[in-house]
Amino acid sequence: MKIASLKNDLKYHVDRPSVQLLLETENTKEIRIVMKKGQLMKEHMTPFPIVIEIFKGNIDFGVDGQVKNLKKGDIIALKGHVAHDLKSNKDSIIRLSLSKQDDVARVEGIVE
């Protein structure tokens, strides 16, 4: 059994989103992304499918030339190799489920 918390030990960075690996399962890596209002994750893509849950806050999620406003409780699934970007409209906590084959360092590189 593994236990992690999306709301404990939050670390907001002033100049960029914060990325933290919460736990790994046999199939996924569960990541917490913490964004202050106005922070961006530039356009990027992942080699594997992802699932994003908005645990707290509100973001604009850009994909395929459209912007979807996602709020607390919303979940979105995306295939691999699809360009997307995020902008936080409020202080936000995002849960990102990555394939076990993906690399957390890749996500960290997007926010630096």
C-alpha atoms as a PDB file:
ATOM      1  CA  MET A   1       0.000   0.000   0.000  1.00  0.00           C
ATOM      2  CA  LYS A   2       1.151   3.529  -0.844  1.00  0.00           C
ATOM      3  CA  ILE A   3      -0.375   6.757   0.456  1.00  0.00           C
ATOM      4  CA  ALA A   4       0.178  10.320  -0.759  1.00  0.00           C
ATOM      5  CA  SER A   5      -1.602  13.641  -0.309  1.00  0.00           C
ATOM      6  CA  LEU A   6      -2.445  16.232  -2.923  1.00  0.00           C
ATOM      7  CA  LYS A   7      -2.940  18.932  -0.285  1.00  0.00           C
ATOM      8  CA  ASN A   8      -0.185  18.410   2.304  1.00  0.00           C
ATOM      9  CA  ASP A   9       3.284  19.993   2.111  1.00  0.00           C
ATOM     10  CA  LEU A  10       2.443  22.340  -0.760  1.00  0.00           C
ATOM     11  CA  LYS A  11       5.359  24.245  -2.266  1.00  0.00           C
ATOM     12  CA  TYR A  12       4.413  27.148  -4.509  1.00  0.00           C
ATOM     13  CA  HIS A  13       7.278  28.645  -6.509  1.00  0.00           C
ATOM     14  CA  VAL A  14       7.100  32.371  -7.212  1.00  0.00           C
ATOM     15  CA  ASP A  15       8.393  32.215 -10.782  1.00  0.00           C
ATOM     16  CA  ARG A  16       7.264  28.814 -12.081  1.00  0.00           C
ATOM     17  CA  PRO A  17       4.963  25.869 -11.365  1.00  0.00           C
ATOM     18  CA  SER A  18       6.123  23.276  -8.842  1.00  0.00           C
ATOM     19  CA  VAL A  19       6.297  19.607  -9.893  1.00  0.00           C
ATOM     20  CA  GLN A  20       6.490  16.784  -7.352  1.00  0.00           C
ATOM     21  CA  LEU A  21       6.327  13.013  -7.742  1.00  0.00           C
ATOM     22  CA  LEU A  22       3.806  11.787  -5.149  1.00  0.00           C
ATOM     23  CA  LEU A  23       3.976   8.059  -5.775  1.00  0.00           C
ATOM     24  CA  GLU A  24       4.540   5.334  -8.324  1.00  0.00           C
ATOM     25  CA  THR A  25       2.292   2.351  -8.970  1.00  0.00           C
ATOM     26  CA  GLU A  26       2.875  -0.639 -11.202  1.00  0.00           C
ATOM     27  CA  ASN A  27       1.464   1.319 -14.156  1.00  0.00           C
ATOM     28  CA  THR A  28       1.631   5.043 -13.394  1.00  0.00           C
ATOM     29  CA  LYS A  29       3.517   7.896 -11.816  1.00  0.00           C
ATOM     30  CA  GLU A  30       1.277  10.277  -9.901  1.00  0.00           C
ATOM     31  CA  ILE A  31       2.523  13.862 -10.055  1.00  0.00           C
ATOM     32  CA  ARG A  32       1.325  16.994  -8.257  1.00  0.00           C
ATOM     33  CA  ILE A  33       1.674  20.273 -10.135  1.00  0.00           C
ATOM     34  CA  VAL A  34       1.149  23.390  -8.026  1.00  0.00           C
ATOM     35  CA  MET A  35       0.631  26.652  -9.925  1.00  0.00           C
ATOM     36  CA  LYS A  36       0.181  30.187  -8.637  1.00  0.00           C
ATOM     37  CA  LYS A  37      -2.324  32.405 -10.424  1.00  0.00           C
ATOM     38  CA  GLY A  38      -0.936  33.496 -13.796  1.00  0.00           C
ATOM     39  CA  GLN A  39       1.766  30.817 -14.091  1.00  0.00           C
ATOM     40  CA  LEU A  40       2.178  28.964 -17.378  1.00  0.00           C
ATOM     41  CA  MET A  41       3.332  25.610 -18.620  1.00  0.00           C
ATOM     42  CA  LYS A  42       4.483  26.295 -22.167  1.00  0.00           C
ATOM     43  CA  GLU A  43       3.271  24.168 -25.054  1.00  0.00           C
ATOM     44  CA  HIS A  44       4.643  20.645 -24.842  1.00  0.00           C
ATOM     45  CA  MET A  45       3.687  17.053 -25.550  1.00  0.00           C
ATOM     46  CA  THR A  46       4.164  13.699 -23.906  1.00  0.00           C
ATOM     47  CA  PRO A  47       5.111  10.472 -25.645  1.00  0.00           C
ATOM     48  CA  PHE A  48       2.405   8.585 -23.705  1.00  0.00           C
ATOM     49  CA  PRO A  49      -1.259   9.211 -22.774  1.00  0.00           C
ATOM     50  CA  ILE A  50      -1.897  11.316 -19.657  1.00  0.00           C
ATOM     51  CA  VAL A  51      -4.792  12.080 -17.324  1.00  0.00           C
ATOM     52  CA  ILE A  52      -5.098  15.461 -15.610  1.00  0.00           C
ATOM     53  CA  GLU A  53      -7.370  16.209 -12.645  1.00  0.00           C
ATOM     54  CA  ILE A  54      -7.960  19.708 -11.301  1.00  0.00           C
ATOM     55  CA  PHE A  55      -7.919  19.146  -7.542  1.00  0.00           C
ATOM     56  CA  LYS A  56      -8.103  22.856  -6.663  1.00  0.00           C
ATOM     57  CA  GLY A  57      -8.328  26.057  -8.667  1.00  0.00           C
ATOM     58  CA  ASN A  58      -8.952  26.797 -12.314  1.00  0.00           C
ATOM     59  CA  ILE A  59      -6.790  26.507 -15.438  1.00  0.00           C
ATOM     60  CA  ASP A  60      -7.033  27.212 -19.139  1.00  0.00           C
ATOM     61  CA  PHE A  61      -5.959  24.063 -20.987  1.00  0.00           C
ATOM     62  CA  GLY A  62      -4.958  24.726 -24.586  1.00  0.00           C
ATOM     63  CA  VAL A  63      -5.119  21.871 -27.100  1.00  0.00           C
ATOM     64  CA  ASP A  64      -5.754  21.671 -30.847  1.00  0.00           C
ATOM     65  CA  GLY A  65      -6.169  25.459 -31.141  1.00  0.00           C
ATOM     66  CA  GLN A  66      -8.911  25.499 -28.500  1.00  0.00           C
ATOM     67  CA  VAL A  67      -8.809  26.567 -24.858  1.00  0.00           C
ATOM     68  CA  LYS A  68     -10.824  24.549 -22.366  1.00  0.00           C
ATOM     69  CA  ASN A  69     -11.468  26.128 -18.983  1.00  0.00           C
ATOM     70  CA  LEU A  70     -11.033  23.395 -16.375  1.00  0.00           C
ATOM     71  CA  LYS A  71     -12.117  23.867 -12.772  1.00  0.00           C
ATOM     72  CA  LYS A  72     -11.980  21.940  -9.518  1.00  0.00           C
ATOM     73  CA  GLY A  73     -13.176  18.386 -10.081  1.00  0.00           C
ATOM     74  CA  ASP A  74     -12.654  18.331 -13.854  1.00  0.00           C
ATOM     75  CA  ILE A  75     -10.632  15.512 -15.413  1.00  0.00           C
ATOM     76  CA  ILE A  76      -9.201  15.401 -18.921  1.00  0.00           C
ATOM     77  CA  ALA A  77      -7.478  12.542 -20.759  1.00  0.00           C
ATOM     78  CA  LEU A  78      -5.063  13.184 -23.605  1.00  0.00           C
ATOM     79  CA  LYS A  79      -3.373  10.848 -26.039  1.00  0.00           C
ATOM     80  CA  GLY A  80       0.381  10.942 -26.414  1.00  0.00           C
ATOM     81  CA  HIS A  81       2.017  13.274 -28.965  1.00  0.00           C
ATOM     82  CA  VAL A  82      -0.691  15.970 -28.638  1.00  0.00           C
ATOM     83  CA  ALA A  83       0.629  19.492 -28.033  1.00  0.00           C
ATOM     84  CA  HIS A  84      -0.976  21.268 -25.073  1.00  0.00           C
ATOM     85  CA  ASP A  85      -0.340  24.126 -22.625  1.00  0.00           C
ATOM     86  CA  LEU A  86      -1.695  25.267 -19.265  1.00  0.00           C
ATOM     87  CA  LYS A  87      -2.335  28.655 -17.667  1.00  0.00           C
ATOM     88  CA  SER A  88      -3.481  28.948 -14.072  1.00  0.00           C
ATOM     89  CA  ASN A  89      -6.339  31.423 -13.499  1.00  0.00           C
ATOM     90  CA  LYS A  90      -6.220  30.867  -9.711  1.00  0.00           C
ATOM     91  CA  ASP A  91      -3.766  29.199  -7.385  1.00  0.00           C
ATOM     92  CA  SER A  92      -4.218  25.582  -8.497  1.00  0.00           C
ATOM     93  CA  ILE A  93      -3.333  22.017  -7.574  1.00  0.00           C
ATOM     94  CA  ILE A  94      -3.252  19.583 -10.486  1.00  0.00           C
ATOM     95  CA  ARG A  95      -2.878  15.814 -10.387  1.00  0.00           C
ATOM     96  CA  LEU A  96      -1.071  14.411 -13.416  1.00  0.00           C
ATOM     97  CA  SER A  97      -1.074  10.676 -14.065  1.00  0.00           C
ATOM     98  CA  LEU A  98       1.851   9.639 -16.260  1.00  0.00           C
ATOM     99  CA  SER A  99       2.682   6.305 -17.804  1.00  0.00           C
ATOM    100  CA  LYS A 100       5.256   4.353 -15.816  1.00  0.00           C
ATOM    101  CA  GLN A 101       7.422   4.591 -18.961  1.00  0.00           C
ATOM    102  CA  ASP A 102       7.405   8.403 -18.871  1.00  0.00           C
ATOM    103  CA  ASP A 103       9.944  10.483 -16.960  1.00  0.00           C
ATOM    104  CA  VAL A 104       9.204  13.033 -14.225  1.00  0.00           C
ATOM    105  CA  ALA A 105      12.333  14.958 -15.284  1.00  0.00           C
ATOM    106  CA  ARG A 106      10.621  15.643 -18.625  1.00  0.00           C
ATOM    107  CA  VAL A 107       7.768  17.394 -16.795  1.00  0.00           C
ATOM    108  CA  GLU A 108      10.193  19.318 -14.589  1.00  0.00           C
ATOM    109  CA  GLY A 109      12.024  20.485 -17.728  1.00  0.00           C
ATOM    110  CA  ILE A 110       8.818  22.036 -19.076  1.00  0.00           C
ATOM    111  CA  VAL A 111       8.435  24.385 -16.098  1.00  0.00           C
ATOM    112  CA  GLU A 112      12.079  25.506 -15.879  1.00  0.00           C
END
